[in-house]
């Protein structure tokens, strides 16, 4: 089972998110990651293994910002790896998604999105959701409408 922690506030998000993920370790996981919005845009850091591995990545490539989300993953699609760890982004890296569950029709959606020009970097079902929302966002220009349209297409 996955763990998901989000933070929006005045403090640095990373420490709060990692602490929240640590409190969820009892749920079990095989990889972890965070996405933090900073002055340069969305910064994503991920690592297979325990939170200590993610903390090592964060020491090597620190991120700052007051808005973020974190995730611990228990693999269902794709092996435990940096590429398959959440969060996942769309093609441009501005839309970030974490997810707990299984998208049953992800292969069908992935092929359709790939044919439309989307590039995938993982083997997970969750990354498909980021690209599907991106696809609808380009059509509608509105995030809420894009999310609703994407969710109407997925099963699971």
N, C-alpha and C. Protein backbone atom coordinates (compact mmCIF):
# COMPACT_ATOMS: atom_id res chain seq x y z
N UNK A 1 0.85 -1.18 0.00
CA UNK A 1 0.00 0.00 0.00
C UNK A 1 0.89 1.24 0.00
N UNK A 2 0.49 2.25 -0.72
CA UNK A 2 1.28 3.46 -0.87
C UNK A 2 1.01 4.43 0.28
N UNK A 3 1.94 5.36 0.44
CA UNK A 3 1.76 6.46 1.37
C UNK A 3 1.86 7.76 0.60
N UNK A 4 0.96 8.70 0.88
CA UNK A 4 0.95 9.98 0.17
C UNK A 4 0.88 11.09 1.20
N UNK A 5 1.78 12.09 1.05
CA UNK A 5 1.81 13.24 1.94
C UNK A 5 1.93 14.49 1.08
N UNK A 6 1.10 15.49 1.35
CA UNK A 6 1.20 16.77 0.66
C UNK A 6 1.38 17.89 1.65
N UNK A 7 1.97 19.00 1.18
CA UNK A 7 2.16 20.16 2.05
C UNK A 7 2.06 21.44 1.22
N UNK A 8 1.31 22.40 1.75
CA UNK A 8 1.26 23.76 1.25
C UNK A 8 1.33 24.66 2.47
N UNK A 9 2.30 25.55 2.53
CA UNK A 9 2.43 26.41 3.70
C UNK A 9 3.58 27.37 3.57
N UNK A 10 4.03 27.89 4.71
CA UNK A 10 5.10 28.88 4.74
C UNK A 10 6.47 28.27 4.99
N UNK A 11 6.52 27.03 5.40
CA UNK A 11 7.79 26.37 5.73
C UNK A 11 8.30 25.59 4.53
N UNK A 12 9.56 25.17 4.62
CA UNK A 12 10.14 24.33 3.58
C UNK A 12 9.38 23.00 3.54
N UNK A 13 8.93 22.61 2.37
CA UNK A 13 8.07 21.44 2.24
C UNK A 13 8.80 20.12 2.41
N UNK A 14 10.05 20.03 1.97
CA UNK A 14 10.74 18.73 1.91
C UNK A 14 10.80 18.04 3.26
N UNK A 15 11.25 18.72 4.29
CA UNK A 15 11.38 18.10 5.61
C UNK A 15 10.04 17.61 6.15
N UNK A 16 9.02 18.40 5.95
CA UNK A 16 7.69 18.04 6.43
C UNK A 16 7.17 16.81 5.67
N UNK A 17 7.38 16.80 4.37
CA UNK A 17 6.92 15.67 3.56
C UNK A 17 7.67 14.40 3.91
N UNK A 18 8.99 14.48 4.01
CA UNK A 18 9.78 13.28 4.34
C UNK A 18 9.40 12.77 5.72
N UNK A 19 9.18 13.67 6.67
CA UNK A 19 8.76 13.25 8.01
C UNK A 19 7.40 12.54 7.93
N UNK A 20 6.50 13.08 7.14
CA UNK A 20 5.20 12.43 6.97
C UNK A 20 5.32 11.06 6.35
N UNK A 21 6.19 10.93 5.34
CA UNK A 21 6.41 9.62 4.72
C UNK A 21 7.01 8.64 5.72
N UNK A 22 7.90 9.14 6.57
CA UNK A 22 8.51 8.27 7.59
C UNK A 22 7.43 7.70 8.52
N UNK A 23 6.44 8.52 8.83
CA UNK A 23 5.35 8.07 9.71
C UNK A 23 4.47 7.02 9.04
N UNK A 24 4.58 6.91 7.72
CA UNK A 24 3.79 5.93 6.97
C UNK A 24 4.60 4.70 6.58
N UNK A 25 5.84 4.61 7.04
CA UNK A 25 6.70 3.48 6.65
C UNK A 25 6.12 2.13 7.03
N UNK A 26 5.36 2.07 8.09
CA UNK A 26 4.79 0.80 8.54
C UNK A 26 3.91 0.16 7.47
N UNK A 27 3.46 0.95 6.50
CA UNK A 27 2.59 0.43 5.45
C UNK A 27 3.35 -0.40 4.43
N UNK A 28 4.67 -0.28 4.42
CA UNK A 28 5.50 -1.00 3.46
C UNK A 28 5.64 -0.24 2.16
N UNK A 29 6.82 -0.33 1.54
CA UNK A 29 7.06 0.33 0.27
C UNK A 29 8.39 -0.14 -0.29
N UNK A 30 8.62 0.14 -1.58
CA UNK A 30 9.87 -0.25 -2.21
C UNK A 30 10.60 0.91 -2.86
N UNK A 31 10.00 2.09 -2.87
CA UNK A 31 10.64 3.28 -3.41
C UNK A 31 9.91 4.50 -2.88
N UNK A 32 10.56 5.66 -3.02
CA UNK A 32 9.96 6.89 -2.49
C UNK A 32 10.38 8.07 -3.35
N UNK A 33 9.56 9.12 -3.30
CA UNK A 33 9.89 10.32 -4.06
C UNK A 33 9.13 11.52 -3.58
N UNK A 34 9.62 12.69 -3.99
CA UNK A 34 8.97 13.96 -3.68
C UNK A 34 8.97 14.84 -4.92
N UNK A 35 8.01 15.73 -4.98
CA UNK A 35 7.99 16.80 -5.98
C UNK A 35 7.73 18.09 -5.23
N UNK A 36 8.56 19.09 -5.48
CA UNK A 36 8.45 20.37 -4.80
C UNK A 36 8.46 21.48 -5.85
N UNK A 37 7.55 22.42 -5.71
CA UNK A 37 7.50 23.57 -6.60
C UNK A 37 8.41 24.65 -6.04
N UNK A 38 9.39 25.07 -6.84
CA UNK A 38 10.28 26.15 -6.43
C UNK A 38 10.29 27.23 -7.50
N UNK A 39 11.17 28.21 -7.35
CA UNK A 39 11.22 29.34 -8.29
C UNK A 39 11.53 28.90 -9.72
N UNK A 40 12.18 27.76 -9.88
CA UNK A 40 12.54 27.25 -11.21
C UNK A 40 11.52 26.29 -11.78
N UNK A 41 10.46 26.01 -11.06
CA UNK A 41 9.44 25.07 -11.53
C UNK A 41 9.36 23.86 -10.63
N UNK A 42 8.84 22.77 -11.18
CA UNK A 42 8.65 21.55 -10.41
C UNK A 42 9.95 20.76 -10.35
N UNK A 43 10.34 20.39 -9.14
CA UNK A 43 11.56 19.61 -8.92
C UNK A 43 11.15 18.24 -8.38
N UNK A 44 11.56 17.18 -9.05
CA UNK A 44 11.20 15.82 -8.66
C UNK A 44 12.47 15.08 -8.27
N UNK A 45 12.42 14.41 -7.12
CA UNK A 45 13.52 13.56 -6.67
C UNK A 45 12.92 12.22 -6.26
N UNK A 46 13.54 11.13 -6.72
CA UNK A 46 13.02 9.78 -6.45
C UNK A 46 14.18 8.84 -6.21
N UNK A 47 13.86 7.75 -5.52
CA UNK A 47 14.88 6.72 -5.28
C UNK A 47 14.21 5.39 -4.96
N UNK A 48 14.79 4.30 -5.47
CA UNK A 48 14.32 2.98 -5.04
C UNK A 48 14.82 2.71 -3.63
N UNK A 49 14.13 1.83 -2.93
CA UNK A 49 14.58 1.47 -1.59
C UNK A 49 13.91 2.30 -0.50
N UNK A 50 14.59 2.37 0.61
CA UNK A 50 14.05 3.03 1.80
C UNK A 50 14.14 4.55 1.71
N UNK A 51 13.53 5.24 2.65
CA UNK A 51 13.58 6.70 2.69
C UNK A 51 15.00 7.23 2.79
N UNK A 52 15.89 6.46 3.42
CA UNK A 52 17.29 6.90 3.52
C UNK A 52 17.88 7.13 2.14
N UNK A 53 17.50 6.32 1.17
CA UNK A 53 18.00 6.49 -0.20
C UNK A 53 17.48 7.81 -0.79
N UNK A 54 16.21 8.12 -0.56
CA UNK A 54 15.66 9.39 -1.03
C UNK A 54 16.35 10.56 -0.32
N UNK A 55 16.56 10.43 0.97
CA UNK A 55 17.24 11.50 1.71
C UNK A 55 18.64 11.74 1.17
N UNK A 56 19.32 10.69 0.76
CA UNK A 56 20.64 10.83 0.15
C UNK A 56 20.55 11.61 -1.16
N UNK A 57 19.56 11.29 -1.98
CA UNK A 57 19.35 12.02 -3.23
C UNK A 57 19.07 13.49 -2.94
N UNK A 58 18.27 13.76 -1.92
CA UNK A 58 17.93 15.13 -1.56
C UNK A 58 19.13 15.91 -1.03
N UNK A 59 20.07 15.22 -0.38
CA UNK A 59 21.30 15.89 0.05
C UNK A 59 22.17 16.25 -1.16
N UNK A 60 22.22 15.34 -2.13
CA UNK A 60 23.02 15.58 -3.34
C UNK A 60 22.40 16.64 -4.24
N UNK A 61 21.09 16.64 -4.34
CA UNK A 61 20.36 17.59 -5.19
C UNK A 61 19.20 18.18 -4.39
N UNK A 62 19.51 19.14 -3.50
CA UNK A 62 18.46 19.69 -2.63
C UNK A 62 17.38 20.43 -3.42
N UNK A 63 16.21 20.47 -2.83
CA UNK A 63 15.11 21.25 -3.38
C UNK A 63 14.55 22.13 -2.28
N UNK A 64 14.08 23.29 -2.67
CA UNK A 64 13.44 24.20 -1.72
C UNK A 64 12.10 24.62 -2.30
N UNK A 65 11.21 24.92 -1.44
CA UNK A 65 9.88 25.35 -1.86
C UNK A 65 8.89 25.05 -0.77
N UNK A 66 7.77 25.71 -0.81
CA UNK A 66 6.75 25.60 0.24
C UNK A 66 5.52 24.82 -0.19
N UNK A 67 5.59 24.21 -1.37
CA UNK A 67 4.49 23.39 -1.89
C UNK A 67 5.09 22.09 -2.40
N UNK A 68 4.54 20.97 -1.96
CA UNK A 68 5.08 19.71 -2.44
C UNK A 68 4.20 18.52 -2.12
N UNK A 69 4.60 17.40 -2.70
CA UNK A 69 3.91 16.13 -2.47
C UNK A 69 4.95 15.02 -2.42
N UNK A 70 4.69 14.02 -1.60
CA UNK A 70 5.59 12.88 -1.49
C UNK A 70 4.82 11.58 -1.57
N UNK A 71 5.55 10.51 -1.88
CA UNK A 71 4.90 9.23 -2.11
C UNK A 71 5.85 8.09 -1.78
N UNK A 72 5.34 7.08 -1.13
CA UNK A 72 6.06 5.81 -1.01
C UNK A 72 5.27 4.80 -1.82
N UNK A 73 5.98 3.99 -2.59
CA UNK A 73 5.34 3.12 -3.57
C UNK A 73 5.54 1.65 -3.22
N UNK A 74 4.50 0.90 -3.39
CA UNK A 74 4.56 -0.55 -3.36
C UNK A 74 4.24 -1.01 -4.77
N UNK A 75 5.23 -1.53 -5.49
CA UNK A 75 5.13 -1.78 -6.92
C UNK A 75 3.99 -2.71 -7.29
N UNK A 76 3.22 -2.27 -8.27
CA UNK A 76 2.21 -3.13 -8.90
C UNK A 76 2.51 -3.27 -10.39
N UNK A 77 2.98 -2.21 -11.03
CA UNK A 77 3.38 -2.25 -12.44
C UNK A 77 4.80 -1.69 -12.53
N UNK A 78 5.71 -2.47 -13.04
CA UNK A 78 7.10 -2.03 -13.15
C UNK A 78 7.87 -2.34 -11.89
N UNK A 79 9.13 -2.70 -12.06
CA UNK A 79 9.98 -3.07 -10.93
C UNK A 79 10.31 -1.84 -10.08
N UNK A 80 10.75 -2.04 -8.84
CA UNK A 80 11.21 -0.92 -8.03
C UNK A 80 12.46 -0.29 -8.66
N UNK A 81 12.37 0.97 -9.03
CA UNK A 81 13.49 1.69 -9.65
C UNK A 81 13.23 3.18 -9.53
N UNK A 82 14.26 3.97 -9.83
CA UNK A 82 14.09 5.42 -9.82
C UNK A 82 13.04 5.83 -10.84
N UNK A 83 13.07 5.24 -12.02
CA UNK A 83 12.13 5.61 -13.07
C UNK A 83 10.69 5.29 -12.70
N UNK A 84 10.48 4.21 -11.98
CA UNK A 84 9.13 3.79 -11.65
C UNK A 84 8.61 4.37 -10.33
N UNK A 85 9.49 4.96 -9.54
CA UNK A 85 9.06 5.60 -8.29
C UNK A 85 8.20 6.82 -8.63
N UNK A 86 7.27 7.12 -7.76
CA UNK A 86 6.45 8.32 -7.91
C UNK A 86 7.18 9.48 -7.24
N UNK A 87 6.86 10.71 -7.55
CA UNK A 87 5.85 11.23 -8.46
C UNK A 87 6.24 11.08 -9.93
N UNK A 88 5.21 11.09 -10.77
CA UNK A 88 5.39 11.04 -12.22
C UNK A 88 4.93 12.36 -12.82
N UNK A 89 5.53 12.71 -13.95
CA UNK A 89 5.20 13.97 -14.60
C UNK A 89 4.68 13.73 -16.01
N UNK A 90 4.12 14.78 -16.56
CA UNK A 90 3.71 14.77 -17.96
C UNK A 90 4.94 15.02 -18.83
N UNK A 91 4.75 15.19 -20.12
CA UNK A 91 5.87 15.39 -21.04
C UNK A 91 6.70 16.62 -20.71
N UNK A 92 6.05 17.68 -20.25
CA UNK A 92 6.74 18.94 -20.00
C UNK A 92 7.24 19.07 -18.58
N UNK A 93 6.87 18.16 -17.69
CA UNK A 93 7.35 18.19 -16.32
C UNK A 93 6.64 19.16 -15.40
N UNK A 94 5.57 19.77 -15.85
CA UNK A 94 4.86 20.72 -15.01
C UNK A 94 3.69 20.14 -14.24
N UNK A 95 3.19 19.01 -14.69
CA UNK A 95 2.07 18.34 -14.04
C UNK A 95 2.61 17.12 -13.32
N UNK A 96 2.34 17.01 -12.04
CA UNK A 96 2.88 15.93 -11.22
C UNK A 96 1.74 15.11 -10.63
N UNK A 97 1.90 13.78 -10.66
CA UNK A 97 0.85 12.89 -10.17
C UNK A 97 1.46 11.82 -9.26
N UNK A 98 0.78 11.55 -8.14
CA UNK A 98 1.02 10.36 -7.34
C UNK A 98 -0.31 9.63 -7.26
N UNK A 99 -0.26 8.35 -6.95
CA UNK A 99 -1.48 7.55 -7.07
C UNK A 99 -1.34 6.30 -6.22
N UNK A 100 -2.44 5.89 -5.64
CA UNK A 100 -2.51 4.63 -4.92
C UNK A 100 -3.64 3.83 -5.54
N UNK A 101 -3.30 2.75 -6.18
CA UNK A 101 -4.32 1.93 -6.82
C UNK A 101 -3.79 1.37 -8.12
N UNK A 102 -4.68 0.81 -8.90
CA UNK A 102 -4.30 0.19 -10.17
C UNK A 102 -5.22 0.71 -11.27
N UNK A 103 -4.61 1.18 -12.35
CA UNK A 103 -5.37 1.57 -13.54
C UNK A 103 -5.41 0.35 -14.45
N UNK A 104 -6.56 -0.26 -14.55
CA UNK A 104 -6.67 -1.52 -15.28
C UNK A 104 -6.48 -1.37 -16.78
N UNK A 105 -6.84 -0.23 -17.33
CA UNK A 105 -6.74 -0.04 -18.78
C UNK A 105 -5.55 0.84 -19.18
N UNK A 106 -4.50 0.84 -18.37
CA UNK A 106 -3.38 1.74 -18.63
C UNK A 106 -2.63 1.41 -19.92
N UNK A 107 -2.54 0.14 -20.28
CA UNK A 107 -1.80 -0.21 -21.51
C UNK A 107 -2.50 0.33 -22.75
N UNK A 108 -3.80 0.21 -22.79
CA UNK A 108 -4.59 0.75 -23.90
C UNK A 108 -4.42 2.27 -23.99
N UNK A 109 -4.54 2.95 -22.84
CA UNK A 109 -4.39 4.40 -22.81
C UNK A 109 -2.97 4.82 -23.18
N UNK A 110 -1.99 4.07 -22.69
CA UNK A 110 -0.59 4.38 -22.97
C UNK A 110 -0.30 4.32 -24.47
N UNK A 111 -0.81 3.29 -25.12
CA UNK A 111 -0.59 3.16 -26.56
C UNK A 111 -1.24 4.30 -27.33
N UNK A 112 -2.44 4.68 -26.92
CA UNK A 112 -3.13 5.79 -27.57
C UNK A 112 -2.36 7.10 -27.39
N UNK A 113 -1.88 7.33 -26.17
CA UNK A 113 -1.12 8.56 -25.88
C UNK A 113 0.23 8.55 -26.59
N UNK A 114 0.87 7.40 -26.63
CA UNK A 114 2.15 7.28 -27.34
C UNK A 114 1.95 7.60 -28.83
N UNK A 115 0.87 7.11 -29.41
CA UNK A 115 0.57 7.40 -30.82
C UNK A 115 0.31 8.89 -31.04
N UNK A 116 -0.14 9.58 -29.99
CA UNK A 116 -0.39 11.02 -30.08
C UNK A 116 0.86 11.84 -29.78
N UNK A 117 2.00 11.16 -29.53
CA UNK A 117 3.26 11.87 -29.36
C UNK A 117 3.80 11.95 -27.94
N UNK A 118 3.13 11.34 -26.99
CA UNK A 118 3.62 11.37 -25.61
C UNK A 118 4.80 10.42 -25.44
N UNK A 119 5.75 10.84 -24.63
CA UNK A 119 6.93 10.03 -24.33
C UNK A 119 6.86 9.57 -22.88
N UNK A 120 6.97 8.28 -22.68
CA UNK A 120 6.89 7.70 -21.34
C UNK A 120 8.28 7.32 -20.85
N UNK A 121 8.50 7.53 -19.55
CA UNK A 121 9.80 7.24 -18.95
C UNK A 121 9.76 6.10 -17.94
N UNK A 122 8.58 5.55 -17.69
CA UNK A 122 8.45 4.49 -16.69
C UNK A 122 7.61 3.35 -17.24
N UNK A 123 7.49 2.31 -16.43
CA UNK A 123 6.65 1.16 -16.75
C UNK A 123 5.35 1.18 -15.95
N UNK A 124 5.08 2.28 -15.25
CA UNK A 124 3.96 2.31 -14.32
C UNK A 124 2.65 2.72 -14.98
N UNK A 125 1.58 2.35 -14.33
CA UNK A 125 0.26 2.79 -14.77
C UNK A 125 0.03 4.25 -14.40
N UNK A 126 0.60 4.71 -13.30
CA UNK A 126 0.37 6.07 -12.83
C UNK A 126 0.86 7.12 -13.81
N UNK A 127 1.99 6.89 -14.44
CA UNK A 127 2.50 7.88 -15.39
C UNK A 127 1.49 8.14 -16.51
N UNK A 128 0.74 7.13 -16.88
CA UNK A 128 -0.29 7.29 -17.90
C UNK A 128 -1.29 8.37 -17.49
N UNK A 129 -1.62 8.41 -16.21
CA UNK A 129 -2.58 9.40 -15.72
C UNK A 129 -2.04 10.82 -15.91
N UNK A 130 -0.76 11.04 -15.64
CA UNK A 130 -0.16 12.37 -15.84
C UNK A 130 -0.28 12.79 -17.30
N UNK A 131 0.03 11.88 -18.20
CA UNK A 131 -0.04 12.19 -19.63
C UNK A 131 -1.48 12.36 -20.11
N UNK A 132 -2.39 11.58 -19.57
CA UNK A 132 -3.80 11.69 -19.95
C UNK A 132 -4.36 13.05 -19.52
N UNK A 133 -4.02 13.47 -18.32
CA UNK A 133 -4.46 14.80 -17.85
C UNK A 133 -3.83 15.88 -18.74
N UNK A 134 -2.54 15.73 -19.05
CA UNK A 134 -1.87 16.70 -19.93
C UNK A 134 -2.61 16.79 -21.27
N UNK A 135 -2.95 15.65 -21.83
CA UNK A 135 -3.66 15.60 -23.11
C UNK A 135 -4.96 16.41 -23.05
N UNK A 136 -5.73 16.20 -22.00
CA UNK A 136 -7.00 16.91 -21.85
C UNK A 136 -6.78 18.38 -21.49
N UNK A 137 -5.73 18.68 -20.76
CA UNK A 137 -5.44 20.07 -20.39
C UNK A 137 -5.13 20.90 -21.64
N UNK A 138 -4.42 20.32 -22.58
CA UNK A 138 -4.14 21.03 -23.83
C UNK A 138 -5.43 21.30 -24.60
N UNK A 139 -6.38 20.41 -24.49
CA UNK A 139 -7.65 20.57 -25.21
C UNK A 139 -8.59 21.56 -24.53
N UNK A 140 -8.60 21.55 -23.18
CA UNK A 140 -9.57 22.37 -22.45
C UNK A 140 -8.99 23.65 -21.89
N UNK A 141 -7.70 23.63 -21.54
CA UNK A 141 -7.09 24.79 -20.91
C UNK A 141 -7.46 24.94 -19.44
N UNK A 142 -8.18 23.99 -18.90
CA UNK A 142 -8.63 24.07 -17.51
C UNK A 142 -8.28 22.77 -16.78
N UNK A 143 -7.55 22.90 -15.68
CA UNK A 143 -7.08 21.72 -14.96
C UNK A 143 -8.23 20.86 -14.45
N UNK A 144 -9.21 21.47 -13.82
CA UNK A 144 -10.31 20.66 -13.27
C UNK A 144 -11.02 19.88 -14.38
N UNK A 145 -11.30 20.53 -15.49
CA UNK A 145 -11.96 19.85 -16.60
C UNK A 145 -11.08 18.73 -17.15
N UNK A 146 -9.77 18.97 -17.21
CA UNK A 146 -8.84 17.95 -17.71
C UNK A 146 -8.79 16.74 -16.80
N UNK A 147 -8.77 16.97 -15.50
CA UNK A 147 -8.75 15.86 -14.54
C UNK A 147 -10.04 15.06 -14.64
N UNK A 148 -11.16 15.75 -14.69
CA UNK A 148 -12.46 15.06 -14.80
C UNK A 148 -12.53 14.22 -16.08
N UNK A 149 -12.08 14.79 -17.19
CA UNK A 149 -12.10 14.06 -18.46
C UNK A 149 -11.19 12.84 -18.41
N UNK A 150 -10.02 13.00 -17.82
CA UNK A 150 -9.08 11.88 -17.71
C UNK A 150 -9.67 10.77 -16.85
N UNK A 151 -10.26 11.14 -15.74
CA UNK A 151 -10.81 10.12 -14.83
C UNK A 151 -11.99 9.38 -15.43
N UNK A 152 -12.69 10.02 -16.35
CA UNK A 152 -13.79 9.32 -17.04
C UNK A 152 -13.26 8.22 -17.95
N UNK A 153 -12.01 8.32 -18.35
CA UNK A 153 -11.43 7.34 -19.28
C UNK A 153 -10.77 6.15 -18.61
N UNK A 154 -10.40 6.29 -17.35
CA UNK A 154 -9.67 5.20 -16.69
C UNK A 154 -10.63 4.25 -15.99
N UNK A 155 -10.20 3.00 -15.91
CA UNK A 155 -10.93 2.02 -15.11
C UNK A 155 -9.98 1.49 -14.05
N UNK A 156 -10.54 1.22 -12.90
CA UNK A 156 -9.71 0.70 -11.81
C UNK A 156 -9.77 1.58 -10.60
